[in-house]
Amino acid sequence: MITIAVDCMGGDHGPKVTLPACRLFLEQHADVSLILVGLPDQVGGFSHPRASFVLASEVVEMDDPLEIALRKKKDSSMRVSIQQVKDGVAHAAVSAGNTGALMAISRYLLKTLDGIERPALAGQIPNATGGATTVLDLGANVDCSALHLLQFAVMGSALVSVLSGQEAPTVGLLNIGQEAIKGNETIKKAGELLRSAAKSGDLNFFGNVEGNDIFKGTVDIVVCDGFVGNVALKTSEGLASMMGSFLKAEFSRNVVTKFAAIAAYSVLKAFKNRVDHRRYNGVALLGLRGLVFKSHGSADVMAFGNALNRAYDAARNNLLDLVRVRIAHAAPLLAAADAVR
């Protein structure tokens, strides 16, 4: 039985989205139990034989400063959810709340794995192959060293191996060109470390990739700093929204454009569904001594349900153990890279 702790209060919509998503999730999986964490007057009406409750008295708001979330709100639904993972009661925690607060609280309570300096946000962006490219970091670390990028690559490889069953997923380093001589000094150094990791069998390094390779599906994993990764993520989300607006606009114009829109509707709708970010909702906080997944703050029932599924797959396939194994195997390389920084 996989147990997941759910921050029912997090996100833009709170229990209006999280509770219906939890009910559907429980109906889809017979080997899951949920620990629902929230304010008693907002989660108390939920009933299911595989759902239990842990009450919280506070909520981390989306605009709360880190100091408030971490130091002041010690009984928040977010913190209590992560505490369930720390205490070994839950295999994973899921929240749609404030990203910065979730990262800070998770790192404070769970700590990082040996050999990892900074946790990273790893998520999927739909690509032209019909699948998705895993990208990290998606916003947790704006300034990254070459060593951090190497650590991200090792953790990302473990994540994709678990979610897709691939033994050696391909890794690309995001750069302004494919040539090894391009990029700033950090990127060049990261490229050297990744090539060394490939030689030692720690990674299946493809080489440098460019921004369009994320959407082409050139590699399974793209490694970058959090600033660039977050821009790529928001671009992907904007594409799906643009397609929805386009379809509505074409159907509201004159007769000629309406007929053209009708003729192309099935193709356009299929494309819109393919790039729908809700299908890929659920970002893993990699590098911690526990599994934590971040849902988009504006997630609807479908999107939050997919975040729950990501956490379920990770827990069922022992993602944490695989990350530990990969880090242990790469330990000599990581230590050598750290020594020459």
Protein backbone atom coordinates (compact mmCIF):
# COMPACT_ATOMS: atom_id res chain seq x y z
CA MET A 1 0.00 0.00 0.00
CA ILE A 2 1.39 3.37 -1.08
CA THR A 3 0.56 6.24 1.28
CA ILE A 4 0.62 9.84 0.06
CA ALA A 5 0.21 12.93 2.24
CA VAL A 6 -1.76 15.68 0.51
CA ASP A 7 -1.64 19.38 1.37
CA CYS A 8 -5.33 20.00 0.72
CA MET A 9 -5.11 23.74 1.37
CA GLY A 10 -2.34 24.67 -1.07
CA GLY A 11 -2.74 26.35 -4.45
CA ASP A 12 -5.14 28.89 -5.85
CA HIS A 13 -8.25 26.75 -5.28
CA GLY A 14 -7.48 24.63 -2.21
CA PRO A 15 -10.00 21.92 -1.21
CA LYS A 16 -12.32 22.78 -4.13
CA VAL A 17 -9.76 21.10 -6.39
CA THR A 18 -7.65 18.89 -4.13
CA LEU A 19 -10.49 16.91 -2.54
CA PRO A 20 -12.30 15.96 -5.81
CA ALA A 21 -8.92 15.04 -7.29
CA CYS A 22 -8.16 12.86 -4.27
CA ARG A 23 -11.48 11.05 -4.59
CA LEU A 24 -10.91 10.26 -8.27
CA PHE A 25 -7.35 9.17 -7.52
CA LEU A 26 -8.52 6.75 -4.83
CA GLU A 27 -11.07 5.29 -7.24
CA GLN A 28 -8.32 4.69 -9.82
CA HIS A 29 -5.84 2.99 -7.48
CA ALA A 30 -6.72 0.20 -5.09
CA ASP A 31 -3.23 0.09 -3.56
CA VAL A 32 -3.19 3.70 -2.30
CA SER A 33 -4.14 5.40 0.93
CA LEU A 34 -4.16 9.17 1.39
CA ILE A 35 -3.43 11.33 4.40
CA LEU A 36 -5.45 14.51 3.88
CA VAL A 37 -3.98 17.50 5.69
CA GLY A 38 -5.95 20.70 6.12
CA LEU A 39 -8.17 22.92 8.23
CA PRO A 40 -10.86 20.89 10.04
CA ASP A 41 -13.79 22.91 8.72
CA GLN A 42 -12.66 22.46 5.09
CA VAL A 43 -11.59 18.81 4.86
CA GLY A 44 -13.79 17.23 7.50
CA GLY A 45 -16.63 16.44 5.11
CA PHE A 46 -14.53 14.07 2.99
CA SER A 47 -15.08 10.37 3.57
CA HIS A 48 -13.35 7.33 2.07
CA PRO A 49 -12.19 4.04 3.64
CA ARG A 50 -8.61 4.62 2.46
CA ALA A 51 -8.42 8.27 3.51
CA SER A 52 -7.34 9.53 6.91
CA PHE A 53 -6.94 13.04 8.25
CA VAL A 54 -4.26 15.05 9.97
CA LEU A 55 -5.50 18.47 10.92
CA ALA A 56 -3.52 21.69 10.60
CA SER A 57 -4.33 25.11 12.00
CA GLU A 58 -2.51 27.29 9.43
CA VAL A 59 -2.15 27.72 5.67
CA VAL A 60 0.87 28.94 3.72
CA GLU A 61 -0.50 31.57 1.37
CA MET A 62 0.82 31.89 -2.18
CA ASP A 63 2.38 35.28 -1.39
CA ASP A 64 3.79 34.44 2.05
CA PRO A 65 7.50 35.32 2.48
CA LEU A 66 9.79 32.37 3.19
CA GLU A 67 10.43 33.60 6.73
CA ILE A 68 6.72 33.46 7.53
CA ALA A 69 6.19 30.06 5.91
CA LEU A 70 9.26 28.45 7.48
CA ARG A 71 9.58 30.10 10.89
CA LYS A 72 6.13 31.37 11.82
CA LYS A 73 3.60 28.93 10.37
CA LYS A 74 4.88 25.75 11.97
CA ASP A 75 1.45 24.09 11.89
CA SER A 76 0.67 24.82 8.26
CA SER A 77 -0.93 22.16 6.08
CA MET A 78 2.16 22.24 3.86
CA ARG A 79 4.59 21.62 6.71
CA VAL A 80 2.43 18.98 8.36
CA SER A 81 2.19 17.11 5.03
CA ILE A 82 5.96 16.99 4.64
CA GLN A 83 6.32 15.99 8.28
CA GLN A 84 4.36 12.83 7.43
CA VAL A 85 7.14 11.88 5.01
CA LYS A 86 9.86 12.68 7.52
CA ASP A 87 8.14 10.56 10.16
CA GLY A 88 7.86 7.62 7.75
CA VAL A 89 4.07 7.68 7.82
CA ALA A 90 3.78 8.63 4.13
CA HIS A 91 5.87 7.60 1.13
CA ALA A 92 5.45 10.99 -0.57
CA ALA A 93 3.84 14.40 -0.14
CA VAL A 94 2.03 16.52 -2.74
CA SER A 95 1.27 20.24 -2.55
CA ALA A 96 0.11 22.95 -4.96
CA GLY A 97 1.26 25.67 -2.59
CA ASN A 98 3.92 28.37 -2.71
CA THR A 99 6.92 26.87 -4.55
CA GLY A 100 9.59 28.72 -2.60
CA ALA A 101 7.99 27.80 0.70
CA LEU A 102 7.61 24.16 -0.31
CA MET A 103 11.27 23.96 -1.29
CA ALA A 104 12.44 25.67 1.91
CA ILE A 105 10.27 23.60 4.24
CA SER A 106 11.10 20.35 2.45
CA ARG A 107 14.82 21.03 2.60
CA TYR A 108 14.62 22.05 6.27
CA LEU A 109 12.64 18.99 7.37
CA LEU A 110 13.98 16.27 5.07
CA LYS A 111 17.54 17.50 4.40
CA THR A 112 19.44 16.72 1.21
CA LEU A 113 20.90 13.36 0.25
CA ASP A 114 24.61 12.76 0.73
CA GLY A 115 26.47 14.08 -2.29
CA ILE A 116 23.76 16.59 -3.26
CA GLU A 117 24.16 20.26 -2.39
CA ARG A 118 20.90 21.64 -3.77
CA PRO A 119 17.53 20.04 -4.52
CA ALA A 120 16.20 20.61 -8.03
CA LEU A 121 12.73 20.86 -9.53
CA ALA A 122 12.34 18.27 -12.28
CA GLY A 123 9.29 18.21 -14.52
CA GLN A 124 8.14 17.26 -18.00
CA ILE A 125 7.56 19.45 -21.04
CA PRO A 126 5.63 17.94 -23.98
CA ASN A 127 7.61 17.42 -27.17
CA ALA A 128 7.00 16.68 -30.85
CA THR A 129 7.42 12.91 -30.44
CA GLY A 130 4.16 12.69 -28.51
CA GLY A 131 6.03 12.21 -25.25
CA ALA A 132 7.76 14.66 -22.93
CA THR A 133 11.25 15.94 -22.19
CA THR A 134 12.28 15.98 -18.53
CA VAL A 135 13.87 19.32 -17.67
CA LEU A 136 15.69 20.34 -14.51
CA ASP A 137 16.08 22.68 -12.80
CA LEU A 138 12.69 24.38 -13.33
CA GLY A 139 13.16 27.25 -10.92
CA ALA A 140 14.63 26.22 -7.59
CA ASN A 141 18.21 27.36 -8.34
CA VAL A 142 18.79 30.46 -10.44
CA ASP A 143 22.58 30.43 -10.11
CA CYS A 144 24.12 27.00 -10.62
CA SER A 145 27.70 25.79 -10.65
CA ALA A 146 28.98 23.10 -13.02
CA LEU A 147 28.87 20.62 -10.13
CA HIS A 148 25.20 21.40 -9.50
CA LEU A 149 24.38 20.72 -13.16
CA LEU A 150 26.18 17.37 -12.92
CA GLN A 151 24.19 16.49 -9.80
CA PHE A 152 20.96 17.46 -11.60
CA ALA A 153 21.87 15.16 -14.49
CA VAL A 154 22.46 12.20 -12.16
CA MET A 155 19.16 12.75 -10.32
CA GLY A 156 17.23 13.38 -13.54
CA SER A 157 18.50 10.12 -14.98
CA ALA A 158 17.17 8.25 -11.95
CA LEU A 159 13.78 9.95 -12.26
CA VAL A 160 13.35 9.13 -15.95
CA SER A 161 14.52 5.55 -15.39
CA VAL A 162 11.76 5.11 -12.83
CA LEU A 163 8.98 6.83 -14.78
CA SER A 164 9.78 5.42 -18.23
CA GLY A 165 11.65 2.20 -17.54
CA GLN A 166 14.68 3.33 -19.57
CA GLU A 167 17.93 2.03 -18.14
CA ALA A 168 20.11 4.77 -19.67
CA PRO A 169 18.07 7.85 -20.70
CA THR A 170 19.90 10.41 -22.80
CA VAL A 171 21.01 13.67 -21.16
CA GLY A 172 21.56 16.98 -22.92
CA LEU A 173 23.16 20.14 -21.53
CA LEU A 174 21.25 23.27 -22.56
CA ASN A 175 23.53 25.71 -24.36
CA ILE A 176 23.52 28.37 -27.08
CA GLY A 177 24.95 25.88 -29.56
CA GLN A 178 25.88 22.22 -29.89
CA GLU A 179 29.62 22.83 -30.10
CA ALA A 180 31.60 22.09 -26.93
CA ILE A 181 33.44 25.43 -27.21
CA LYS A 182 30.23 27.46 -26.87
CA GLY A 183 28.66 28.84 -23.71
CA ASN A 184 29.98 30.56 -20.61
CA GLU A 185 32.63 29.07 -18.35
CA THR A 186 30.09 27.32 -16.12
CA ILE A 187 28.48 25.56 -19.07
CA LYS A 188 31.84 24.59 -20.57
CA LYS A 189 32.95 23.13 -17.24
CA ALA A 190 29.63 21.32 -16.85
CA GLY A 191 30.11 19.83 -20.31
CA GLU A 192 33.51 18.48 -19.28
CA LEU A 193 32.04 16.92 -16.13
CA LEU A 194 29.16 15.36 -18.05
CA ARG A 195 31.53 13.89 -20.63
CA SER A 196 33.59 12.43 -17.79
CA ALA A 197 30.41 10.99 -16.28
CA ALA A 198 29.62 9.35 -19.62
CA LYS A 199 33.07 7.75 -19.76
CA SER A 200 32.69 6.36 -16.25
CA GLY A 201 29.24 4.95 -17.04
CA ASP A 202 27.34 7.28 -14.74
CA LEU A 203 25.37 9.00 -17.50
CA ASN A 204 24.32 8.58 -21.11
CA PHE A 205 25.45 12.07 -22.16
CA PHE A 206 24.29 13.17 -25.62
CA GLY A 207 26.09 16.52 -25.62
CA ASN A 208 25.00 20.14 -25.83
CA VAL A 209 21.44 20.86 -26.95
CA GLU A 210 19.59 24.06 -27.79
CA GLY A 211 16.23 25.37 -26.66
CA ASN A 212 14.30 23.92 -29.59
CA ASP A 213 15.61 20.46 -28.72
CA ILE A 214 13.39 20.49 -25.61
CA PHE A 215 10.31 20.60 -27.84
CA LYS A 216 11.77 18.34 -30.56
CA GLY A 217 12.45 15.56 -28.05
CA THR A 218 16.10 15.23 -29.07
CA VAL A 219 17.04 13.87 -25.65
CA ASP A 220 15.17 12.43 -22.69
CA ILE A 221 16.58 14.90 -20.15
CA VAL A 222 17.71 18.51 -20.48
CA VAL A 223 19.84 20.01 -17.72
CA CYS A 224 19.93 23.78 -17.15
CA ASP A 225 19.81 26.40 -14.41
CA GLY A 226 16.50 27.28 -12.80
CA PHE A 227 16.07 30.63 -14.55
CA VAL A 228 16.22 29.16 -18.05
CA GLY A 229 14.24 26.08 -17.07
CA ASN A 230 11.40 28.12 -15.63
CA VAL A 231 11.19 30.24 -18.79
CA ALA A 232 10.96 27.06 -20.89
CA LEU A 233 8.22 25.68 -18.63
CA LYS A 234 6.14 28.85 -18.80
CA THR A 235 6.58 28.95 -22.60
CA SER A 236 5.22 25.41 -22.84
CA GLU A 237 2.23 26.26 -20.65
CA GLY A 238 1.55 29.38 -22.70
CA LEU A 239 1.45 27.35 -25.91
CA ALA A 240 -1.52 25.28 -24.74
CA SER A 241 -3.37 28.41 -23.60
CA MET A 242 -2.69 30.07 -26.94
CA MET A 243 -4.15 27.09 -28.84
CA GLY A 244 -7.31 27.23 -26.75
CA SER A 245 -7.72 30.95 -27.41
CA PHE A 246 -7.05 30.42 -31.12
CA LEU A 247 -9.77 27.78 -31.45
CA LYS A 248 -12.33 30.00 -29.73
CA ALA A 249 -11.39 33.02 -31.86
CA GLU A 250 -11.66 31.14 -35.17
CA PHE A 251 -15.12 29.80 -34.34
CA SER A 252 -16.34 33.32 -33.55
CA ARG A 253 -15.33 34.92 -36.86
CA ASN A 254 -17.11 35.01 -40.24
CA VAL A 255 -18.62 32.04 -42.09
CA VAL A 256 -15.49 31.32 -44.13
CA THR A 257 -13.18 31.13 -41.11
CA LYS A 258 -15.75 29.07 -39.22
CA PHE A 259 -15.77 26.43 -41.97
CA ALA A 260 -11.97 26.46 -42.08
CA ALA A 261 -11.84 26.08 -38.32
CA ILE A 262 -14.32 23.18 -38.42
CA ALA A 263 -12.23 21.42 -41.07
CA ALA A 264 -9.07 21.76 -39.00
CA TYR A 265 -10.72 21.34 -35.61
CA SER A 266 -9.77 17.72 -34.97
CA VAL A 267 -6.11 18.33 -35.82
CA LEU A 268 -5.91 21.52 -33.78
CA LYS A 269 -7.68 19.93 -30.83
CA ALA A 270 -5.31 16.94 -30.92
CA PHE A 271 -2.35 19.30 -30.90
CA LYS A 272 -3.83 21.32 -28.05
CA ASN A 273 -4.33 18.15 -26.02
CA ARG A 274 -0.77 17.01 -26.74
CA VAL A 275 0.74 20.23 -25.38
CA ASP A 276 -1.75 20.56 -22.51
CA HIS A 277 0.46 21.19 -19.48
CA ARG A 278 -2.16 19.65 -17.20
CA ARG A 279 -1.20 16.20 -18.53
CA TYR A 280 2.34 16.69 -17.24
CA ASN A 281 1.55 18.42 -13.97
CA GLY A 282 3.61 17.33 -11.00
CA VAL A 283 7.20 18.44 -10.49
CA ALA A 284 9.57 16.35 -8.37
CA LEU A 285 11.79 17.97 -5.74
CA LEU A 286 14.86 15.82 -6.33
CA GLY A 287 17.80 15.50 -3.96
CA LEU A 288 15.88 15.27 -0.68
CA ARG A 289 15.71 12.41 1.82
CA GLY A 290 12.06 11.97 0.97
CA LEU A 291 9.66 12.32 -1.97
CA VAL A 292 7.90 15.66 -2.44
CA PHE A 293 5.95 16.68 -5.53
CA LYS A 294 4.84 20.18 -6.49
CA SER A 295 1.61 20.75 -8.38
CA HIS A 296 0.99 23.92 -10.34
CA GLY A 297 -0.76 26.47 -8.14
CA SER A 298 -3.60 26.99 -10.63
CA ALA A 299 -4.14 23.24 -11.18
CA ASP A 300 -7.65 21.98 -11.80
CA VAL A 301 -8.92 18.55 -10.76
CA MET A 302 -7.36 16.79 -13.75
CA ALA A 303 -3.97 18.48 -13.27
CA PHE A 304 -3.81 17.85 -9.52
CA GLY A 305 -4.77 14.24 -10.11
CA ASN A 306 -1.78 13.91 -12.44
CA ALA A 307 0.49 15.32 -9.74
CA LEU A 308 -0.80 12.62 -7.39
CA ASN A 309 -0.06 10.04 -10.08
CA ARG A 310 3.54 11.28 -10.41
CA ALA A 311 4.04 10.86 -6.67
CA TYR A 312 2.43 7.42 -6.77
CA ASP A 313 4.67 6.22 -9.63
CA ALA A 314 7.78 7.53 -7.88
CA ALA A 315 6.92 5.85 -4.60
CA ARG A 316 5.81 2.56 -6.18
CA ASN A 317 9.04 2.34 -8.22
CA ASN A 318 11.36 3.30 -5.32
CA LEU A 319 12.65 6.51 -6.90
CA LEU A 320 14.43 7.56 -3.71
CA ASP A 321 16.45 4.34 -3.57
CA LEU A 322 17.41 4.61 -7.23
CA VAL A 323 18.57 8.21 -6.77
CA ARG A 324 20.72 7.08 -3.84
CA VAL A 325 22.23 4.27 -5.92
CA ARG A 326 23.04 6.58 -8.83
CA ILE A 327 24.57 9.19 -6.55
CA ALA A 328 26.66 6.54 -4.78
CA HIS A 329 27.93 5.24 -8.13
CA ALA A 330 28.84 8.78 -9.21
CA ALA A 331 30.32 9.71 -5.83
CA PRO A 332 33.99 9.60 -6.93
CA LEU A 333 33.24 11.88 -9.87
CA LEU A 334 31.14 14.25 -7.76
CA ALA A 335 33.85 14.42 -5.10
CA ALA A 336 36.56 15.10 -7.68
CA ALA A 337 34.49 17.85 -9.26
CA ASP A 338 33.82 19.39 -5.86
CA ALA A 339 37.54 19.36 -4.98
CA VAL A 340 38.56 21.40 -8.04
CA ARG A 341 35.79 24.01 -7.84
